[in-house]
């Protein structure tokens, strides 16, 4: 512009050349500053973009490395999980197999003990001894089940039953079972009832028995002298049971860990009493699972008090049951045909002794295949079926009975107690379940419902147990 104006504008009234030069130099300087700032800004932006890109690449690389590390860790965790699940399945199979082997002789012990207990030819004094044998066998069975209970509780697979329990009679049985152990150690064993207990409550009777026997058994075991007292009360649908002993007591450090698996207190000084260290663990787990709690307070050198609080709703309209002081000798009506399917000969003999003595026509089958062959000739009215059998197992046998023979009678599973899943039983066409070792009253109750039987009963002499209630 300067040169154009200088060439064209002279003599035409334009600004003097010197003045125009100063103005344009100032404008040029201003434009140069603006251009410099713009160039500086562009350079900084480009450098920032490059730095940001480099940082983004670096972070992306770190993220990819972290993802790869997580992938390797996840693969290792999955491998460890698979190994743990495999080991857990192997442990479950082992414990189940061992439990089944232990239950086989227990089934005979408890079964024939129940038969002797109801035998009129047995003297009253001997019948009480047989009763103690039965109760002790049932406790041994509960200990066997305890090994499975922990795994089931932790896995969330333990199912509670809802039995109608006659509470006072139940406490009497507990006392009869523990009294000989206390007498052998010279301990005073007392049961005190505070207030009035409901006649019938709803609870898982087997788990409830296990809780009380674990705590009372420990109290007797670890008390050298003095007494063991069971206090019972019931308020607002909650039952409270206190087990007080005059043993050596438990320190605060021991109280914090006695409910852990395989942990034991110091016990009685000089005592040789030992245990598995699982009793209190199972007791606490079961109590919490049943909607209750277990607490303990103790003083060294004075004794301990374990308190159990459980939800025990009062049953105001209980089902009628067979009176324990009456003996079933038969049933009204025509002779019923029952088939027993079990690969254990001792169990078949036991069931035959029970049912044939009551008037049933009993047939024995040692396998599922033999059961189906026998049904081709003569279909029974009820089938007592073991579920764990070699060859054709109980599940398949039940389905074949329903499909091949259109069998409409009751099928009662009599097994080791680990297949008691209602949905699975119903899918196989099984109507009821009785756990081994068999409780005869439970079995007869199932037969009563399934076959609509009316029993013929005779009185048995009552046993004097010396039970006292304190109100």
Protein backbone atom coordinates (compact mmCIF):
# COMPACT_ATOMS: atom_id res chain seq x y z
CA UNK A 1 0.00 0.00 0.00
CA UNK A 2 2.88 2.28 0.85
CA UNK A 3 4.56 1.86 -2.51
CA UNK A 4 1.27 2.09 -4.41
CA UNK A 5 0.35 5.29 -2.67
CA UNK A 6 3.85 6.66 -3.10
CA UNK A 7 3.78 5.96 -6.85
CA UNK A 8 0.24 7.00 -7.66
CA UNK A 9 -0.76 9.50 -5.02
CA UNK A 10 1.95 12.19 -5.46
CA UNK A 11 0.48 15.38 -6.67
CA UNK A 12 -3.09 14.25 -6.14
CA UNK A 13 -3.60 15.56 -2.65
CA UNK A 14 -2.43 12.39 -0.85
CA UNK A 15 -0.75 12.28 2.51
CA UNK A 16 2.90 13.14 2.57
CA UNK A 17 5.04 10.15 1.95
CA UNK A 18 6.80 10.35 5.32
CA UNK A 19 3.55 10.44 7.26
CA UNK A 20 2.11 7.51 5.31
CA UNK A 21 5.26 5.57 5.91
CA UNK A 22 5.00 6.02 9.68
CA UNK A 23 1.35 4.96 9.71
CA UNK A 24 1.92 1.87 7.63
CA UNK A 25 5.01 0.87 9.63
CA UNK A 26 2.92 1.00 12.82
CA UNK A 27 0.16 -1.08 11.18
CA UNK A 28 2.79 -3.51 9.91
CA UNK A 29 4.30 -3.83 13.39
CA UNK A 30 0.89 -4.48 14.92
CA UNK A 31 0.11 -7.12 12.29
CA UNK A 32 3.49 -8.76 12.89
CA UNK A 33 2.76 -9.01 16.64
CA UNK A 34 -0.65 -10.51 15.92
CA UNK A 35 0.88 -12.95 13.43
CA UNK A 36 3.58 -13.88 15.95
CA UNK A 37 1.03 -14.54 18.69
CA UNK A 38 -1.06 -16.64 16.28
CA UNK A 39 1.97 -18.62 15.17
CA UNK A 40 3.04 -19.12 18.81
CA UNK A 41 -0.47 -20.29 19.70
CA UNK A 42 -0.51 -22.69 16.73
CA UNK A 43 2.87 -24.14 17.69
CA UNK A 44 1.82 -24.59 21.31
CA UNK A 45 -1.45 -26.26 20.23
CA UNK A 46 0.40 -28.64 17.96
CA UNK A 47 2.90 -29.49 20.69
CA UNK A 48 0.08 -29.98 23.20
CA UNK A 49 -1.68 -32.26 20.75
CA UNK A 50 1.50 -34.28 20.30
CA UNK A 51 2.06 -34.49 24.07
CA UNK A 52 -1.58 -35.48 24.59
CA UNK A 53 -1.30 -38.11 21.86
CA UNK A 54 1.87 -39.51 23.41
CA UNK A 55 0.24 -39.57 26.85
CA UNK A 56 -2.84 -41.21 25.40
CA UNK A 57 -0.68 -43.84 23.73
CA UNK A 58 1.21 -44.40 26.95
CA UNK A 59 -2.02 -44.75 28.98
CA UNK A 60 -3.49 -47.04 26.32
CA UNK A 61 -0.40 -49.23 26.51
CA UNK A 62 -0.63 -49.34 30.31
CA UNK A 63 -4.34 -50.15 30.07
CA UNK A 64 -3.68 -52.96 27.60
CA UNK A 65 -0.98 -54.30 29.90
CA UNK A 66 -3.40 -54.12 32.86
CA UNK A 67 -6.12 -55.86 30.83
CA UNK A 68 -3.68 -58.60 29.92
CA UNK A 69 -2.65 -58.92 33.56
CA UNK A 70 -6.32 -59.14 34.58
CA UNK A 71 -6.88 -61.74 31.88
CA UNK A 72 -4.02 -63.84 33.21
CA UNK A 73 -5.24 -63.36 36.78
CA UNK A 74 -8.79 -64.29 35.78
CA UNK A 75 -7.50 -67.40 34.03
CA UNK A 76 -5.52 -68.37 37.14
CA UNK A 77 -8.54 -67.68 39.38
CA UNK A 78 -10.77 -69.74 37.12
CA UNK A 79 -8.23 -72.54 37.19
CA UNK A 80 -8.04 -72.34 40.98
CA UNK A 81 -11.86 -72.22 41.19
CA UNK A 82 -12.16 -75.30 38.99
CA UNK A 83 -9.60 -77.10 41.13
CA UNK A 84 -11.42 -76.08 44.32
CA UNK A 85 -14.79 -77.18 42.93
CA UNK A 86 -13.28 -80.47 41.83
CA UNK A 87 -11.78 -80.99 45.27
CA UNK A 88 -15.08 -80.01 46.89
CA UNK A 89 -16.98 -82.50 44.74
CA UNK A 90 -14.46 -85.18 45.62
CA UNK A 91 -14.81 -84.32 49.30
CA UNK A 92 -18.59 -84.44 49.07
CA UNK A 93 -18.49 -87.81 47.34
CA UNK A 94 -16.08 -89.13 49.96
CA UNK A 95 -18.11 -87.85 52.92
CA UNK A 96 -21.34 -89.10 51.36
CA UNK A 97 -19.85 -92.53 50.73
CA UNK A 98 -18.41 -92.77 54.25
CA UNK A 99 -21.68 -91.57 55.74
CA UNK A 100 -23.60 -94.15 53.75
CA UNK A 101 -21.27 -96.90 54.98
CA UNK A 102 -21.70 -95.75 58.58
CA UNK A 103 -25.45 -95.52 58.24
CA UNK A 104 -25.73 -99.14 57.11
CA UNK A 105 -24.83 -100.70 60.50
CA UNK A 106 -26.61 -97.87 62.32
CA UNK A 107 -29.79 -98.70 60.45
CA UNK A 108 -29.73 -102.23 61.88
CA UNK A 109 -28.78 -101.02 65.38
CA UNK A 110 -31.50 -98.41 65.56
CA UNK A 111 -34.06 -100.55 63.75
CA UNK A 112 -33.79 -103.57 65.99
CA UNK A 113 -33.55 -101.30 69.04
CA UNK A 114 -36.94 -99.88 68.08
CA UNK A 115 -38.34 -103.38 67.62
CA UNK A 116 -37.05 -104.48 71.03
CA UNK A 117 -38.37 -101.29 72.63
CA UNK A 118 -41.88 -102.16 71.44
CA UNK A 119 -41.59 -105.90 72.20
CA UNK A 120 -43.92 -106.88 75.04
CA UNK A 121 -41.69 -109.80 76.00
CA UNK A 122 -38.86 -107.44 76.95
CA UNK A 123 -38.72 -106.60 80.65
CA UNK A 124 -39.45 -103.02 81.61
CA UNK A 125 -35.98 -102.51 83.07
CA UNK A 126 -34.37 -103.81 79.87
CA UNK A 127 -36.68 -101.71 77.70
CA UNK A 128 -35.32 -98.55 79.30
CA UNK A 129 -31.77 -99.70 78.44
CA UNK A 130 -32.87 -100.35 74.87
CA UNK A 131 -34.35 -96.85 74.78
CA UNK A 132 -31.00 -95.36 75.85
CA UNK A 133 -29.26 -97.41 73.13
CA UNK A 134 -31.69 -96.04 70.57
CA UNK A 135 -31.29 -92.44 71.70
CA UNK A 136 -27.50 -92.74 71.77
CA UNK A 137 -27.56 -94.26 68.29
CA UNK A 138 -29.66 -91.38 67.07
CA UNK A 139 -27.12 -88.97 68.52
CA UNK A 140 -24.30 -90.83 66.75
CA UNK A 141 -26.30 -90.50 63.56
CA UNK A 142 -26.58 -86.76 64.18
CA UNK A 143 -22.80 -86.54 64.56
CA UNK A 144 -22.34 -88.32 61.24
CA UNK A 145 -24.71 -85.88 59.60
CA UNK A 146 -22.81 -82.99 61.17
CA UNK A 147 -19.90 -83.43 58.79
CA UNK A 148 -22.28 -82.89 55.90
CA UNK A 149 -24.20 -80.12 57.63
CA UNK A 150 -21.28 -77.67 57.60
CA UNK A 151 -20.72 -78.10 53.87
CA UNK A 152 -24.46 -77.83 53.18
CA UNK A 153 -24.87 -74.71 55.31
CA UNK A 154 -21.89 -72.98 53.70
CA UNK A 155 -23.16 -73.88 50.24
CA UNK A 156 -26.72 -72.84 51.13
CA UNK A 157 -28.11 -76.29 50.34
CA UNK A 158 -29.35 -77.29 53.79
CA UNK A 159 -33.14 -77.59 53.90
CA UNK A 160 -34.99 -77.40 57.20
CA UNK A 161 -38.05 -79.51 57.86
CA UNK A 162 -41.10 -78.21 59.72
CA UNK A 163 -41.99 -80.91 62.22
CA UNK A 164 -44.59 -80.82 64.95
CA UNK A 165 -42.61 -81.46 68.13
CA UNK A 166 -44.08 -82.32 71.51
CA UNK A 167 -41.76 -80.17 73.55
CA UNK A 168 -42.10 -81.66 77.04
CA UNK A 169 -41.72 -85.22 75.77
CA UNK A 170 -38.72 -84.10 73.75
CA UNK A 171 -37.05 -82.63 76.84
CA UNK A 172 -37.74 -85.86 78.73
CA UNK A 173 -35.94 -87.84 76.04
CA UNK A 174 -32.98 -85.48 76.18
CA UNK A 175 -32.82 -85.92 79.95
CA UNK A 176 -33.03 -89.72 79.71
CA UNK A 177 -30.20 -89.73 77.23
CA UNK A 178 -27.83 -87.45 79.19
CA UNK A 179 -28.65 -88.72 82.68
CA UNK A 180 -26.47 -91.89 82.46
CA UNK A 181 -23.46 -89.85 81.33
CA UNK A 182 -23.91 -87.40 84.21
CA UNK A 183 -24.39 -90.24 86.73
CA UNK A 184 -21.21 -91.93 85.51
CA UNK A 185 -19.23 -88.77 86.38
CA UNK A 186 -21.05 -88.15 89.65
CA UNK A 187 -22.70 -84.97 88.38
CA UNK A 188 -26.15 -83.71 89.31
CA UNK A 189 -28.22 -83.31 86.15
CA UNK A 190 -31.27 -81.08 86.51
CA UNK A 191 -33.99 -79.86 84.18
CA UNK A 192 -35.86 -76.72 85.21
CA UNK A 193 -38.89 -75.36 83.37
CA UNK A 194 -39.71 -71.70 83.88
CA UNK A 195 -43.36 -70.90 83.34
CA UNK A 196 -45.45 -73.01 80.99
CA UNK A 197 -44.19 -74.65 77.82
CA UNK A 198 -46.48 -75.11 74.78
CA UNK A 199 -47.52 -78.70 74.20
CA UNK A 200 -46.53 -78.72 70.52
CA UNK A 201 -44.18 -76.43 68.60
CA UNK A 202 -43.10 -76.32 64.97
CA UNK A 203 -39.37 -76.82 64.37
CA UNK A 204 -36.86 -79.04 62.63
CA UNK A 205 -36.81 -81.67 65.38
CA UNK A 206 -33.57 -83.35 64.32
CA UNK A 207 -31.61 -80.09 64.14
CA UNK A 208 -33.11 -78.90 67.43
CA UNK A 209 -32.10 -82.17 69.10
CA UNK A 210 -28.62 -81.81 67.66
CA UNK A 211 -28.20 -78.31 69.10
CA UNK A 212 -29.25 -79.25 72.64
CA UNK A 213 -27.31 -82.53 72.73
CA UNK A 214 -24.15 -80.81 71.49
CA UNK A 215 -24.33 -78.20 74.25
CA UNK A 216 -25.42 -80.58 77.03
CA UNK A 217 -22.87 -83.17 75.95
CA UNK A 218 -20.09 -80.59 76.16
CA UNK A 219 -21.31 -79.44 79.57
CA UNK A 220 -21.22 -83.00 80.96
CA UNK A 221 -17.94 -83.82 79.23
CA UNK A 222 -16.02 -80.80 80.52
CA UNK A 223 -17.43 -80.62 84.04
CA UNK A 224 -15.42 -82.51 86.63
CA UNK A 225 -17.69 -81.98 89.62
CA UNK A 226 -20.88 -80.21 90.58
CA UNK A 227 -23.92 -80.05 88.30
CA UNK A 228 -25.30 -79.44 84.84
CA UNK A 229 -28.65 -77.65 84.55
CA UNK A 230 -30.98 -77.23 81.58
CA UNK A 231 -33.43 -74.34 81.95
CA UNK A 232 -36.31 -74.07 79.50
CA UNK A 233 -38.77 -71.26 78.89
CA UNK A 234 -41.02 -70.03 76.09
CA UNK A 235 -42.28 -66.49 75.53
CA UNK A 236 -43.77 -64.86 72.44
CA UNK A 237 -43.10 -67.77 70.07
CA UNK A 238 -39.43 -67.78 71.10
CA UNK A 239 -37.91 -70.61 73.09
CA UNK A 240 -34.98 -69.99 75.41
CA UNK A 241 -32.75 -72.79 76.67
CA UNK A 242 -29.88 -72.25 79.08
CA UNK A 243 -27.25 -74.90 79.77
CA UNK A 244 -25.35 -74.05 82.95
CA UNK A 245 -22.42 -76.05 84.29
CA UNK A 246 -19.98 -75.78 87.17
CA UNK A 247 -16.94 -76.61 85.05
CA UNK A 248 -13.60 -74.88 84.69
CA UNK A 249 -15.03 -71.97 82.70
CA UNK A 250 -13.84 -70.39 79.47
CA UNK A 251 -11.45 -67.47 79.12
CA UNK A 252 -12.29 -64.43 76.98
CA UNK A 253 -9.68 -65.46 74.42
CA UNK A 254 -11.23 -68.92 74.11
CA UNK A 255 -14.79 -67.55 73.85
CA UNK A 256 -13.75 -65.65 70.71
CA UNK A 257 -12.68 -68.84 68.92
CA UNK A 258 -14.65 -71.77 70.36
CA UNK A 259 -17.28 -71.44 67.61
CA UNK A 260 -14.64 -71.77 64.87
CA UNK A 261 -14.25 -75.16 63.14
CA UNK A 262 -11.81 -77.58 64.83
CA UNK A 263 -11.18 -75.17 67.70
CA UNK A 264 -11.40 -76.48 71.27
CA UNK A 265 -11.09 -74.96 74.68
CA UNK A 266 -8.67 -76.14 77.34
CA UNK A 267 -11.43 -78.12 79.03
CA UNK A 268 -10.96 -79.78 82.38
CA UNK A 269 -7.36 -79.84 83.63
CA UNK A 270 -6.06 -83.40 83.51
CA UNK A 271 -9.10 -84.63 81.59
CA UNK A 272 -8.67 -86.96 78.63
CA UNK A 273 -11.95 -85.87 77.05
CA UNK A 274 -11.47 -84.98 73.39
CA UNK A 275 -13.76 -84.06 70.54
CA UNK A 276 -13.82 -83.13 66.88
CA UNK A 277 -14.09 -79.39 67.46
CA UNK A 278 -17.16 -79.24 65.19
CA UNK A 279 -19.97 -79.41 67.75
CA UNK A 280 -20.15 -75.72 68.63
CA UNK A 281 -19.54 -74.67 65.02
CA UNK A 282 -22.49 -76.74 63.82
CA UNK A 283 -24.60 -75.60 66.77
CA UNK A 284 -24.08 -71.92 65.99
CA UNK A 285 -24.66 -72.38 62.26
CA UNK A 286 -27.85 -74.36 62.81
CA UNK A 287 -29.22 -71.92 65.38
CA UNK A 288 -28.69 -68.95 63.05
CA UNK A 289 -30.16 -70.88 60.12
CA UNK A 290 -33.26 -71.63 62.23
CA UNK A 291 -33.74 -67.95 63.03
CA UNK A 292 -32.09 -67.98 66.45
CA UNK A 293 -28.78 -67.35 68.15
CA UNK A 294 -26.29 -68.90 70.57
CA UNK A 295 -24.48 -66.88 73.22
CA UNK A 296 -22.16 -67.75 76.09
CA UNK A 297 -21.01 -66.18 79.30
CA UNK A 298 -18.40 -67.76 81.50
CA UNK A 299 -16.24 -67.21 84.57
CA UNK A 300 -12.97 -69.08 85.00
CA UNK A 301 -13.15 -71.47 87.91
CA UNK A 302 -16.91 -71.00 88.31
CA UNK A 303 -18.58 -72.36 85.18
CA UNK A 304 -20.28 -71.43 81.94
CA UNK A 305 -23.77 -70.68 80.68
CA UNK A 306 -24.69 -71.28 77.05
CA UNK A 307 -27.97 -69.75 75.95
CA UNK A 308 -29.93 -70.76 72.85
CA UNK A 309 -32.83 -68.70 71.54
CA UNK A 310 -34.90 -70.26 68.75
CA UNK A 311 -38.12 -69.42 66.95
CA UNK A 312 -40.57 -72.12 68.16
CA UNK A 313 -44.09 -71.18 67.07
CA UNK A 314 -46.88 -72.78 69.09
CA UNK A 315 -48.98 -75.32 67.13
CA UNK A 316 -52.50 -74.98 68.49
CA UNK A 317 -54.08 -77.63 66.29
CA UNK A 318 -51.50 -80.45 66.04
CA UNK A 319 -51.95 -83.61 64.04
CA UNK A 320 -52.93 -86.72 65.98
CA UNK A 321 -50.00 -89.09 66.49
CA UNK A 322 -49.52 -92.56 67.87
CA UNK A 323 -49.14 -92.46 71.61
CA UNK A 324 -45.66 -93.52 72.71
CA UNK A 325 -47.13 -95.74 75.45
CA UNK A 326 -49.17 -97.75 72.94
CA UNK A 327 -47.98 -100.58 70.69
CA UNK A 328 -49.31 -101.17 67.16
CA UNK A 329 -50.25 -104.79 66.62
CA UNK A 330 -52.03 -104.55 63.26
CA UNK A 331 -54.51 -102.64 61.15
CA UNK A 332 -58.14 -102.93 60.15
CA UNK A 333 -59.21 -104.18 56.74
CA UNK A 334 -57.80 -106.54 54.14
CA UNK A 335 -54.16 -107.58 54.06
CA UNK A 336 -52.01 -105.05 52.19
CA UNK A 337 -49.15 -105.96 49.83
CA UNK A 338 -45.90 -104.07 50.26
CA UNK A 339 -42.68 -104.48 48.29
CA UNK A 340 -39.32 -103.54 49.82
CA UNK A 341 -36.56 -102.75 47.31
CA UNK A 342 -33.08 -102.49 48.84
CA UNK A 343 -29.67 -103.92 47.98
CA UNK A 344 -28.77 -104.22 51.70
CA UNK A 345 -30.01 -107.59 53.05
CA UNK A 346 -29.96 -106.36 56.66
CA UNK A 347 -32.35 -103.52 55.83
CA UNK A 348 -34.69 -105.92 54.03
CA UNK A 349 -34.74 -108.26 57.03
CA UNK A 350 -35.40 -105.34 59.35
CA UNK A 351 -38.32 -104.03 57.29
CA UNK A 352 -39.66 -107.56 56.91
CA UNK A 353 -39.59 -108.04 60.70
CA UNK A 354 -41.47 -104.79 61.25
CA UNK A 355 -44.12 -104.96 58.54
CA UNK A 356 -44.87 -108.68 58.54
CA UNK A 357 -45.44 -108.45 62.29
CA UNK A 358 -48.14 -105.88 61.63
CA UNK A 359 -49.96 -108.06 59.10
CA UNK A 360 -48.53 -106.83 55.80
CA UNK A 361 -47.74 -109.22 52.96
CA UNK A 362 -44.12 -108.30 52.30
CA UNK A 363 -42.02 -109.11 49.25
CA UNK A 364 -38.28 -108.35 49.05
CA UNK A 365 -36.36 -107.24 45.94
CA UNK A 366 -32.61 -106.69 46.05
CA UNK A 367 -32.40 -104.45 42.96
CA UNK A 368 -34.46 -102.26 40.67
CA UNK A 369 -34.40 -104.88 37.93
CA UNK A 370 -35.75 -107.55 40.29
CA UNK A 371 -38.48 -105.17 41.45
CA UNK A 372 -39.70 -104.67 37.88
CA UNK A 373 -39.60 -108.40 37.17
CA UNK A 374 -41.63 -109.16 40.29
CA UNK A 375 -44.18 -106.47 39.40
CA UNK A 376 -44.87 -108.29 36.12
CA UNK A 377 -46.45 -111.12 38.13
CA UNK A 378 -47.95 -109.30 41.10
CA UNK A 379 -48.17 -105.53 41.49
CA UNK A 380 -47.98 -104.42 45.16
CA UNK A 381 -50.09 -101.73 46.78
CA UNK A 382 -47.07 -99.79 48.09
CA UNK A 383 -43.32 -99.78 47.39
CA UNK A 384 -40.57 -98.89 49.87
CA UNK A 385 -37.66 -98.00 47.61
CA UNK A 386 -33.97 -97.38 48.26
CA UNK A 387 -32.58 -94.68 45.99
CA UNK A 388 -28.88 -95.61 45.97
CA UNK A 389 -28.62 -99.03 44.36
CA UNK A 390 -26.17 -100.48 41.81
CA UNK A 391 -27.53 -101.00 38.33
CA UNK A 392 -31.03 -99.58 38.09
CA UNK A 393 -31.18 -96.97 40.84
CA UNK A 394 -34.26 -95.95 42.80
CA UNK A 395 -34.98 -92.86 40.69
CA UNK A 396 -35.15 -94.85 37.46
CA UNK A 397 -37.07 -97.69 39.12
CA UNK A 398 -39.73 -95.26 40.36
CA UNK A 399 -40.13 -93.71 36.90
CA UNK A 400 -40.36 -97.17 35.30
CA UNK A 401 -43.01 -98.24 37.80
CA UNK A 402 -45.12 -95.21 36.92
CA UNK A 403 -44.66 -95.44 33.15
CA UNK A 404 -44.38 -99.18 32.40
CA UNK A 405 -46.88 -100.53 34.94
CA UNK A 406 -49.11 -97.47 35.44
CA UNK A 407 -48.46 -97.97 39.14
CA UNK A 408 -50.78 -95.62 41.06
CA UNK A 409 -49.93 -96.73 44.59
CA UNK A 410 -47.60 -94.87 46.97
CA UNK A 411 -43.85 -95.04 46.41
CA UNK A 412 -41.94 -94.17 49.58
CA UNK A 413 -38.21 -93.53 49.24
CA UNK A 414 -36.19 -95.04 52.09
CA UNK A 415 -32.65 -93.77 51.67
CA UNK A 416 -29.67 -92.16 53.33
CA UNK A 417 -31.20 -88.71 53.56
CA UNK A 418 -29.14 -86.79 51.00
CA UNK A 419 -31.69 -87.01 48.19
CA UNK A 420 -34.57 -85.45 50.12
CA UNK A 421 -35.37 -82.80 47.50
CA UNK A 422 -39.09 -82.39 47.05
CA UNK A 423 -38.92 -81.25 43.43
CA UNK A 424 -36.67 -84.11 42.40
CA UNK A 425 -38.78 -86.64 44.28
CA UNK A 426 -42.01 -85.43 42.68
CA UNK A 427 -40.44 -85.52 39.21
CA UNK A 428 -39.54 -89.20 39.74
CA UNK A 429 -43.06 -90.04 40.94
CA UNK A 430 -42.03 -90.57 44.58
CA UNK A 431 -44.69 -89.62 47.12
CA UNK A 432 -42.77 -89.51 50.41
CA UNK A 433 -39.30 -89.81 51.89
CA UNK A 434 -38.04 -91.63 55.01
CA UNK A 435 -34.43 -91.19 56.04
CA UNK A 436 -32.15 -94.06 57.00
CA UNK A 437 -31.71 -95.21 59.72
CA UNK A 438 -35.47 -95.62 59.68
CA UNK A 439 -37.60 -94.22 62.46
CA UNK A 440 -40.51 -96.66 62.65
CA UNK A 441 -43.00 -94.06 63.85
CA UNK A 442 -42.10 -91.87 60.88
CA UNK A 443 -42.46 -94.80 58.48
CA UNK A 444 -45.80 -95.86 59.94
CA UNK A 445 -46.99 -92.26 59.74
CA UNK A 446 -46.15 -92.22 56.01
CA UNK A 447 -47.96 -95.55 55.51
CA UNK A 448 -50.96 -94.24 57.43
CA UNK A 449 -51.28 -91.29 55.08
CA UNK A 450 -50.50 -93.21 51.88
CA UNK A 451 -52.66 -96.31 52.47
CA UNK A 452 -55.26 -94.67 54.73
CA UNK A 453 -54.72 -97.26 57.46
CA UNK A 454 -56.48 -97.51 60.79
CA UNK A 455 -54.15 -99.08 63.33
CA UNK A 456 -54.95 -101.54 66.10
CA UNK A 457 -53.04 -100.60 69.23
CA UNK A 458 -52.38 -102.11 72.64
CA UNK A 459 -51.18 -100.41 75.78
CA UNK A 460 -47.56 -100.73 76.83
CA UNK A 461 -46.46 -100.41 80.48
CA UNK A 462 -45.35 -96.89 81.24
CA UNK A 463 -41.72 -96.33 82.17
CA UNK A 464 -40.97 -94.41 85.34
CA UNK A 465 -38.34 -91.92 84.35
CA UNK A 466 -38.31 -89.79 87.48
CA UNK A 467 -38.81 -86.63 85.47
CA UNK A 468 -39.52 -83.54 87.56
CA UNK A 469 -40.68 -80.14 86.46
CA UNK A 470 -39.95 -76.95 88.37
CA UNK A 471 -42.31 -74.07 87.76
